Protein backbone atom coordinates (compact mmCIF):
# COMPACT_ATOMS: atom_id res chain seq x y z
CA MET A 1 230.46 -182.51 192.84
CA ASN A 2 233.06 -183.26 190.19
CA SER A 3 234.12 -186.77 189.39
CA ARG A 4 237.63 -187.55 190.57
CA LEU A 5 239.75 -190.41 189.31
CA SER A 6 242.50 -192.37 191.00
CA THR A 7 244.72 -194.86 189.21
CA ALA A 8 246.12 -198.10 190.63
CA ASN A 9 248.21 -200.26 188.36
CA ASN A 10 246.84 -198.28 185.40
CA ILE A 11 243.23 -199.25 186.23
CA LYS A 12 240.96 -196.23 186.38
CA LEU A 13 238.68 -196.41 189.39
CA TYR A 14 235.99 -193.84 190.01
CA VAL A 15 236.07 -192.16 193.42
CA ALA A 16 232.75 -190.81 194.68
CA PRO A 17 231.16 -190.61 191.19
CA PRO A 18 228.32 -188.09 191.05
CA THR A 19 226.03 -189.69 188.44
CA THR A 20 224.11 -192.96 188.41
CA GLY A 21 225.97 -194.10 185.29
CA GLU A 22 229.33 -193.58 186.96
CA ILE A 23 228.14 -195.28 190.15
CA GLY A 24 227.10 -198.31 188.11
CA ALA A 25 230.38 -198.39 186.20
CA ALA A 26 232.39 -198.11 189.42
CA TYR A 27 230.37 -200.90 191.01
CA VAL A 28 230.88 -203.18 187.99
CA ARG A 29 234.63 -202.60 188.01
CA LEU A 30 234.74 -203.31 191.73
CA ALA A 31 232.93 -206.62 191.21
CA LEU A 32 235.24 -207.56 188.33
CA GLY A 33 238.28 -206.66 190.43
CA VAL A 34 237.21 -208.85 193.36
CA ALA A 35 236.30 -211.64 190.93
CA GLN A 36 239.93 -211.79 189.82
CA ALA A 37 240.75 -213.29 193.21
CA ILE A 38 237.53 -215.34 193.59
CA PRO A 39 236.77 -217.55 190.57
CA GLY A 40 233.06 -218.02 189.99
CA LEU A 41 232.03 -214.81 191.76
CA VAL A 42 230.60 -213.34 188.54
CA GLN A 43 227.71 -215.44 187.20
CA ALA A 44 227.42 -213.47 183.95
CA TYR A 45 228.83 -210.27 182.46
CA LEU A 46 227.12 -208.08 179.84
CA GLY A 47 229.25 -204.95 179.92
CA PRO A 48 231.88 -203.44 177.62
CA PRO A 49 234.75 -205.91 177.05
CA GLU A 50 237.33 -203.18 177.68
CA TRP A 51 236.24 -202.87 181.33
CA ARG A 52 236.94 -206.53 181.97
CA GLU A 53 240.10 -206.51 179.85
CA ALA A 54 241.53 -203.59 181.83
CA VAL A 55 240.90 -205.32 185.16
CA VAL A 56 242.36 -208.61 183.94
CA ALA A 57 245.43 -206.92 182.46
CA GLU A 58 246.32 -204.96 185.61
CA PRO A 59 244.66 -206.44 188.74
CA ALA A 60 244.26 -203.95 191.58
CA SER A 61 245.67 -204.68 195.03
CA LEU A 62 243.31 -205.69 197.84
CA GLU A 63 243.97 -202.38 199.57
CA MET A 64 243.03 -200.44 196.44
CA LEU A 65 239.88 -202.55 196.01
CA ARG A 66 238.94 -201.83 199.60
CA THR A 67 239.45 -198.08 199.09
CA HIS A 68 237.46 -198.23 195.88
CA GLY A 69 234.65 -200.20 197.56
CA VAL A 70 234.32 -197.67 200.36
CA ALA A 71 234.21 -194.85 197.81
CA VAL A 72 231.49 -196.60 195.80
CA ALA A 73 229.42 -197.25 198.94
CA THR A 74 229.76 -193.57 199.93
CA ALA A 75 228.65 -192.45 196.49
CA ILE A 76 225.62 -194.77 196.59
CA GLN A 77 224.60 -193.47 200.01
CA GLN A 78 224.84 -189.87 198.81
CA SER A 79 222.95 -190.53 195.57
CA ASP A 80 219.27 -190.10 194.81
CA LEU A 81 218.87 -193.64 193.44
CA PRO A 82 215.46 -195.31 194.01
CA ARG A 83 215.28 -197.15 197.32
CA ASN A 84 215.40 -200.72 195.99
CA ARG A 85 218.35 -200.03 193.71
CA LYS A 86 220.25 -198.14 196.39
CA GLU A 87 219.76 -200.87 199.00
CA ARG A 88 220.58 -203.69 196.57
CA LEU A 89 223.80 -201.96 195.48
CA LEU A 90 224.83 -201.16 199.05
CA ARG A 91 224.25 -204.76 200.15
CA ASN A 92 226.32 -206.12 197.28
CA VAL A 93 229.13 -203.63 197.91
CA ARG A 94 229.18 -204.64 201.58
CA ALA A 95 229.39 -208.27 200.54
CA LEU A 96 232.29 -207.46 198.21
CA LEU A 97 234.04 -205.51 200.97
CA TRP A 98 233.68 -208.50 203.30
CA LEU A 99 235.20 -210.76 200.65
CA ILE A 100 238.12 -208.34 200.32
CA ARG A 101 238.59 -208.43 204.10
CA ALA A 102 238.45 -212.23 204.07
CA LEU A 103 241.07 -212.35 201.32
CA SER A 104 243.21 -210.09 203.50
CA GLY A 105 243.08 -212.66 206.32
CA GLU A 106 240.50 -211.01 208.57
CA ARG A 107 238.12 -213.23 210.53
CA VAL A 108 234.46 -212.43 211.06
CA ILE A 109 231.86 -214.10 213.29
CA PHE A 110 230.03 -216.59 211.06
CA ALA A 111 226.53 -215.17 211.65
CA GLU A 112 227.82 -211.74 210.68
CA GLN A 113 229.47 -213.25 207.62
CA VAL A 114 226.15 -214.72 206.41
CA ARG A 115 224.45 -211.38 207.00
CA LEU A 116 227.12 -209.50 205.04
CA LEU A 117 227.14 -211.96 202.13
CA LEU A 118 223.44 -212.82 201.81
CA ASP A 119 221.61 -210.18 203.86
CA LEU A 120 220.01 -213.01 205.82
CA LYS A 121 220.21 -214.20 209.42
CA PRO A 122 221.42 -217.82 209.58
CA GLU A 123 218.97 -220.24 211.16
CA SER A 124 219.06 -223.83 212.39
CA VAL A 125 216.48 -226.47 213.26
CA ASP A 126 216.28 -228.91 216.17
CA GLU A 127 216.39 -232.71 216.12
CA ALA A 128 212.59 -233.02 216.20
CA PHE A 129 212.47 -231.33 212.79
CA PHE A 130 214.52 -234.13 211.23
CA GLN A 131 212.53 -236.80 213.05
CA THR A 132 209.37 -235.48 211.41
CA ALA A 133 211.03 -235.84 208.01
CA HIS A 134 212.22 -239.36 208.89
CA ASP A 135 208.70 -240.39 209.91
CA SER A 136 207.28 -239.14 206.59
CA LEU A 137 209.93 -240.99 204.59
CA ALA A 138 209.47 -244.18 206.60
CA GLU A 139 205.75 -244.16 205.82
CA ALA A 140 206.32 -243.43 202.11
CA LEU A 141 209.15 -245.98 201.78
CA PRO A 142 208.03 -249.03 203.80
CA GLY A 143 210.39 -251.94 204.37
CA SER A 144 212.51 -253.78 206.92
CA ALA A 145 215.91 -252.31 205.96
CA PRO A 146 217.22 -249.24 207.83
CA LEU A 147 215.59 -246.02 206.59
CA ALA A 148 218.90 -244.59 205.32
CA GLU A 149 219.38 -247.65 203.08
CA ARG A 150 215.80 -247.49 201.78
CA TRP A 151 216.24 -243.79 201.03
CA VAL A 152 219.49 -244.22 199.12
CA GLU A 153 218.06 -247.17 197.17
CA TRP A 154 214.89 -245.26 196.24
CA GLN A 155 216.89 -242.28 194.96
CA ALA A 156 219.10 -244.55 192.87
CA ARG A 157 216.01 -246.00 191.14
CA GLN A 158 215.00 -242.51 189.97
CA THR A 159 218.43 -241.62 188.54
CA ILE A 160 219.63 -241.76 184.92
CA PRO A 161 222.62 -240.21 183.07
CA GLY A 162 222.37 -236.62 181.83
CA GLY A 163 222.53 -237.67 178.17
CA ALA A 164 219.46 -239.90 178.58
CA ALA A 165 217.69 -237.18 180.56
CA ARG A 166 218.13 -234.49 177.91
CA PRO A 167 214.82 -234.98 176.01
CA LEU A 168 212.95 -235.08 179.31
CA LEU A 169 214.67 -231.86 180.40
CA VAL A 170 213.59 -230.23 177.13
CA GLU A 171 210.00 -231.26 177.91
CA ALA A 172 210.24 -230.01 181.48
CA LEU A 173 211.61 -226.62 180.41
CA GLU A 174 208.83 -226.21 177.85
CA THR A 175 206.19 -227.00 180.47
CA LEU A 176 207.79 -224.45 182.79
CA ARG A 177 207.78 -221.84 180.02
CA GLU A 178 204.04 -222.28 179.59
CA ARG A 179 203.12 -222.31 183.28
CA LEU A 180 205.43 -219.50 184.34
CA GLY A 181 204.37 -217.46 181.33
CA ALA A 182 200.77 -217.78 182.48
CA ARG A 183 201.88 -216.25 185.79
CA GLY A 184 203.43 -213.24 184.07
CA LEU A 185 207.07 -214.35 184.31
CA SER A 186 208.89 -213.41 181.12
CA THR A 187 210.31 -216.60 179.59
CA ALA A 188 210.25 -215.65 175.91
CA GLU A 189 213.85 -216.68 175.22
CA LYS A 190 214.26 -220.44 175.05
CA LEU A 191 217.25 -222.10 176.64
CA THR A 192 219.39 -224.27 174.38
CA ILE A 193 220.58 -227.48 176.06
CA VAL A 194 224.18 -228.34 175.19
CA GLU A 195 225.56 -231.76 176.14
CA VAL A 196 229.17 -231.72 177.33
CA GLU A 197 231.57 -234.46 178.37
CA GLY A 198 231.97 -235.28 182.03
CA ASP A 199 229.89 -236.10 185.08
CA GLY A 200 229.84 -232.84 187.05
CA SER A 201 226.88 -230.65 187.93
CA PRO A 202 225.00 -228.96 185.08
CA PHE A 203 225.77 -225.28 184.73
CA TYR A 204 224.25 -222.26 183.02
CA GLN A 205 225.61 -219.99 180.31
CA PRO A 206 223.63 -217.04 178.91
CA GLY A 207 221.02 -218.63 176.64
CA GLU A 208 222.39 -222.14 177.22
CA LEU A 209 222.22 -224.92 179.77
CA HIS A 210 225.33 -227.12 179.67
CA LEU A 211 224.38 -230.65 180.68
CA PRO A 212 227.21 -233.12 181.43
CA ARG A 213 226.42 -236.30 179.56
CA GLU A 214 227.29 -238.66 182.44
CA ALA A 215 225.84 -236.53 185.26
CA ALA A 216 223.48 -238.36 187.61
CA ILE A 217 220.03 -236.79 187.11
CA ARG A 218 217.06 -237.67 189.28
CA ILE A 219 213.99 -237.61 187.08
CA ASP A 220 211.61 -237.23 190.00
CA ARG A 221 213.42 -233.93 190.82
CA LEU A 222 213.85 -232.82 187.22
CA TYR A 223 211.36 -229.94 187.52
CA HIS A 224 213.11 -228.77 190.69
CA LEU A 225 216.43 -228.78 188.84
CA ALA A 226 214.99 -227.13 185.72
CA LEU A 227 213.59 -224.30 187.85
CA GLN A 228 216.94 -223.82 189.59
CA TRP A 229 219.00 -223.93 186.38
CA GLY A 230 216.62 -222.16 184.02
CA TYR A 231 213.19 -220.57 184.10
CA GLY A 232 212.39 -219.28 187.54
CA GLY A 233 216.04 -219.39 188.62
CA VAL A 234 219.37 -218.18 187.32
CA HIS A 235 218.14 -217.74 183.73
CA SER A 236 215.14 -215.61 184.71
CA THR A 237 217.20 -213.41 187.03
CA TYR A 238 219.94 -213.01 184.43
CA ALA A 239 217.45 -212.21 181.66
CA ALA A 240 215.80 -209.52 183.80
CA LEU A 241 219.16 -207.94 184.60
CA ALA A 242 220.22 -208.10 180.95
CA GLN A 243 217.00 -206.48 179.78
CA ARG A 244 217.40 -203.66 182.29
CA TYR A 245 221.03 -203.13 181.34
CA HIS A 246 221.04 -203.30 177.58
CA ALA A 247 219.51 -200.59 175.44
CA GLY A 248 219.12 -202.85 172.42
CA ASP A 249 218.91 -206.59 171.88
CA TYR A 250 221.16 -207.98 174.62
CA ARG A 251 221.10 -211.41 172.96
CA ALA A 252 222.98 -210.01 169.95
CA GLY A 253 226.17 -210.02 172.02
CA ASP A 254 227.25 -206.54 170.88
CA TYR A 255 228.12 -204.90 174.19
CA ARG A 256 229.74 -201.65 173.15
CA ALA A 257 230.69 -198.99 175.67
CA GLY A 258 227.72 -196.70 176.14
CA ASP A 259 225.30 -199.21 174.63
CA TYR A 260 223.27 -199.53 177.81
CA ARG A 261 220.11 -198.22 179.37
CA ALA A 262 220.81 -194.94 181.17
CA GLY A 263 221.28 -195.38 184.90
CA GLU A 264 221.18 -199.19 184.81
CA VAL A 265 224.88 -199.87 184.34
CA GLU A 266 225.23 -201.96 187.52
CA ASN A 267 223.16 -204.69 185.87
CA ALA A 268 226.05 -205.40 183.51
CA VAL A 269 227.37 -207.84 186.12
CA PHE A 270 225.44 -210.68 187.78
CA LEU A 271 227.09 -211.91 190.98
CA ALA A 272 226.92 -215.51 192.17
CA LEU A 273 226.98 -214.35 195.79
CA GLY A 274 224.94 -211.87 197.79
CA PRO A 275 221.29 -210.80 197.57
CA ASP A 276 221.21 -211.57 193.83
CA GLN A 277 221.92 -215.21 194.61
CA VAL A 278 219.15 -215.30 197.20
CA MET A 279 216.80 -214.34 194.35
CA ALA A 280 218.25 -216.79 191.83
CA ARG A 281 218.23 -219.79 194.19
CA GLY A 282 215.24 -218.84 196.32
CA LEU A 283 212.82 -218.13 193.48
CA PRO A 284 212.49 -221.78 192.33
CA VAL A 285 211.74 -222.85 195.92
CA ALA A 286 209.04 -220.19 196.09
CA LEU A 287 207.50 -220.97 192.69
CA LEU A 288 207.43 -224.77 192.57
CA PRO A 289 204.47 -225.38 194.93
CA SER A 290 202.22 -223.12 192.83
CA LEU A 291 202.79 -224.86 189.47
CA ASP A 292 200.61 -227.97 190.02
CA LEU A 293 203.27 -230.39 188.75
CA TYR A 294 202.50 -233.38 190.96
CA ALA A 295 199.09 -234.24 189.47
CA THR A 296 200.45 -235.51 186.16
CA ALA A 297 203.64 -233.72 185.02
CA ILE A 298 206.20 -235.37 187.32
CA PRO A 299 204.65 -238.89 187.21
CA ASP A 300 204.53 -238.59 183.39
CA LEU A 301 208.26 -237.86 183.29
CA LEU A 302 208.98 -241.01 185.28
CA ARG A 303 206.89 -243.09 182.90
CA ALA A 304 208.59 -241.51 179.87
CA ALA A 305 211.97 -242.43 181.36
CA GLY A 306 210.85 -246.05 181.88
CA LEU A 307 211.18 -245.74 185.66
CA PRO A 308 208.90 -247.29 188.30
CA ALA A 309 205.50 -245.61 188.50
CA GLU A 310 204.86 -243.22 191.37
CA THR A 311 201.75 -241.34 192.36
CA GLY A 312 201.90 -237.58 192.63
CA ASP A 313 200.75 -237.67 196.25
CA ARG A 314 203.54 -240.04 197.30
CA LEU A 315 206.15 -238.03 195.41
CA GLN A 316 204.99 -234.84 197.06
CA VAL A 317 205.38 -236.39 200.52
CA ILE A 318 208.86 -237.67 199.68
CA HIS A 319 210.01 -234.35 198.24
CA ALA A 320 208.65 -232.38 201.20
CA ALA A 321 210.61 -234.64 203.57
CA GLU A 322 213.71 -234.37 201.39
CA ASP A 323 213.50 -230.56 201.45
CA MET A 324 213.38 -230.73 205.23
CA LEU A 325 216.53 -232.87 205.26
CA GLN A 326 218.39 -230.09 203.39
CA TRP A 327 218.37 -228.10 206.62
CA GLY A 328 221.10 -230.48 207.74
CA LEU A 329 223.52 -228.37 205.70
CA ALA A 330 222.48 -225.25 207.59
CA ASN A 331 222.95 -227.00 210.93
CA ALA A 332 226.31 -228.39 209.82
CA ALA A 333 227.53 -224.96 208.71
CA LEU A 334 226.67 -223.47 212.09
CA LEU A 335 228.15 -226.41 214.01
CA LEU A 336 231.40 -226.07 212.05
CA HIS A 337 231.86 -222.29 211.96
CA ALA A 338 229.84 -220.99 214.92
CA GLU A 339 230.30 -223.78 217.48
CA ASN A 340 233.65 -225.11 216.22
CA LEU A 341 232.67 -228.77 216.52
CA ARG A 342 235.06 -231.36 215.23
CA PRO A 343 234.48 -232.68 211.70
CA ARG A 344 233.74 -236.17 213.07
CA ALA A 345 230.77 -234.87 215.08
CA ILE A 346 229.46 -232.91 212.09
CA ARG A 347 229.79 -235.96 209.85
CA ARG A 348 227.73 -237.91 212.37
CA HIS A 349 225.08 -235.16 212.31
CA LEU A 350 224.90 -235.27 208.52
CA MET A 351 224.65 -239.04 208.35
CA THR A 352 222.13 -239.37 211.19
CA ASN A 353 219.81 -236.46 210.51
CA THR A 354 220.00 -236.08 206.72
CA LEU A 355 220.40 -239.84 205.99
CA TRP A 356 223.31 -239.25 203.60
CA PRO A 357 225.93 -242.01 203.28
CA ARG A 358 229.44 -241.39 204.60
CA ASP A 359 231.03 -240.52 201.25
CA THR A 360 228.36 -237.88 200.58
CA ALA A 361 228.71 -236.51 204.10
CA ASP A 362 232.50 -236.27 203.68
CA HIS A 363 232.10 -234.45 200.36
CA LEU A 364 229.65 -231.96 201.86
CA LEU A 365 231.85 -231.45 204.90
CA GLU A 366 234.74 -230.57 202.60
CA GLN A 367 232.57 -227.98 200.82
CA LEU A 368 231.39 -226.49 204.10
CA SER A 369 234.97 -225.97 205.24
CA ASP A 370 235.02 -222.93 202.95
CA PRO A 371 233.23 -220.17 204.95
CA VAL A 372 231.83 -218.60 201.78
CA GLN A 373 230.34 -221.91 200.62
CA ALA A 374 229.00 -222.48 204.14
CA ALA A 375 227.27 -219.09 204.13
CA HIS A 376 225.91 -219.87 200.67
CA VAL A 377 223.77 -222.81 201.85
CA PHE A 378 221.30 -220.45 203.54
CA ALA A 379 220.31 -218.69 200.27
CA PRO A 380 217.60 -221.14 199.11
CA LEU A 381 216.67 -222.50 202.54
CA ILE A 382 215.71 -219.12 204.00
CA GLY A 383 215.34 -217.12 200.78
CA GLY A 384 212.78 -219.44 199.16
CA PRO A 385 210.16 -219.33 201.95
CA LEU A 386 210.76 -215.59 202.35
CA ILE A 387 210.09 -214.90 198.66
CA LYS A 388 207.00 -217.15 198.72
CA THR A 389 205.54 -215.24 201.68
CA TRP A 390 206.45 -211.91 200.12
CA LEU A 391 204.76 -212.84 196.83
CA GLY A 392 201.71 -214.15 198.71
CA GLN A 393 200.94 -210.75 200.21
CA GLY A 394 199.12 -209.76 197.03
CA GLU A 395 201.02 -206.52 196.49
CA HIS A 396 203.88 -208.12 194.58
CA THR A 397 204.34 -210.26 191.46
CA VAL A 398 207.18 -212.36 190.10
CA SER A 399 207.70 -209.74 187.38
CA SER A 400 208.02 -206.94 189.94
CA LEU A 401 210.44 -209.07 191.94
CA LEU A 402 212.72 -209.40 188.91
CA ALA A 403 212.21 -205.91 187.50
CA ASP A 404 212.79 -204.05 190.77
CA PRO A 405 214.39 -206.54 193.17
CA PRO A 406 214.34 -205.67 196.86
CA VAL A 407 217.06 -206.88 199.18
CA PRO A 408 216.13 -209.70 201.58
CA SER A 409 216.13 -207.48 204.67
CA THR A 410 213.57 -205.20 203.01
CA MET A 411 211.42 -208.23 202.23
CA VAL A 412 211.70 -209.41 205.84
CA PHE A 413 210.51 -206.00 207.02
CA GLU A 414 207.55 -205.98 204.63
CA VAL A 415 206.57 -209.55 205.51
CA ARG A 416 206.66 -208.85 209.25
CA PHE A 417 205.30 -205.35 209.40
CA GLY A 418 203.64 -204.66 206.03
CA GLY A 419 204.34 -201.68 203.82
């Protein structure tokens, strides 16, 4: 089959490309095209600058992107790509096609939306689940004040500005490098921490972790955050993709056209949505319990920060309860988009079940009003336990997860039925 080209607004888009290299290039250009309308969709890009420049210079219409996406999906289905690569690419293309439909004004049932974006079935928990978390917190945080007040006060005592937390974050990342390295997870490249002005959430750049100087950082959760931001999270997933994509030293920053590993072109782009994000955000949740951080590492960080002493056992109970409270976001997303409850009722759910104050609940409710953000909350909640179970079967390792990533539905099948 010969490669055929169609041109929209002077952007060359492959139609039904016959080779794996062309499939990867077409997929990358599709992702870059959709990203023009959705800021933040692309987490990192390693490919030839001219691909991105062409898409930026002459953005394709939504209709052309849809036509291109269907052609790419058809080519993937007809290819002889290995199973994991084929399924991962197809899932991401379907997610991109859904985003194109959403941009065009189409409405999709929320559960179907989560499945298309993340390849996961959305789940909720009942009120008894939150009561169990409340009981654990009440025992760990005794006092006469209402539990919500005790919880907010305790969290505030563990919090310091990002600038003051920087040396502790350096220590935490180094400890993670050692412990994850012992488990076979490649963490050879150190992250450089760069302090920036402002008080927003820390964010990741290839090889760097940008830490807002005034950001509120909880030291008791610093290892959780370091895993999510760096080793075991976005950095590890990005590094694995970069290594698969680039034929030479990807850190050199010389991304010339053709300077890539044959057949691995799709790894030039790392999406912030879809199955890739389930890996990036779910992996820290899966890895943390196995790293034995509560015995000394986390209490030592609190002492180094001059914060009140805490035992590892008490911290572990508090964090387990806090992780349970995060399911309030999943419930709220479903109440808002699947059951169409009024915002006031959802705010009450967030404040009552997750113990967040009103201003936090209002902020989260505003984020959840975006259906894409609402779908996004399920990535670590469901993805983390799934990856942990999948890794615990004995047939898989963290390295194999990163080197040949399966899509979540494949992992669900293997966890339930083996094989």
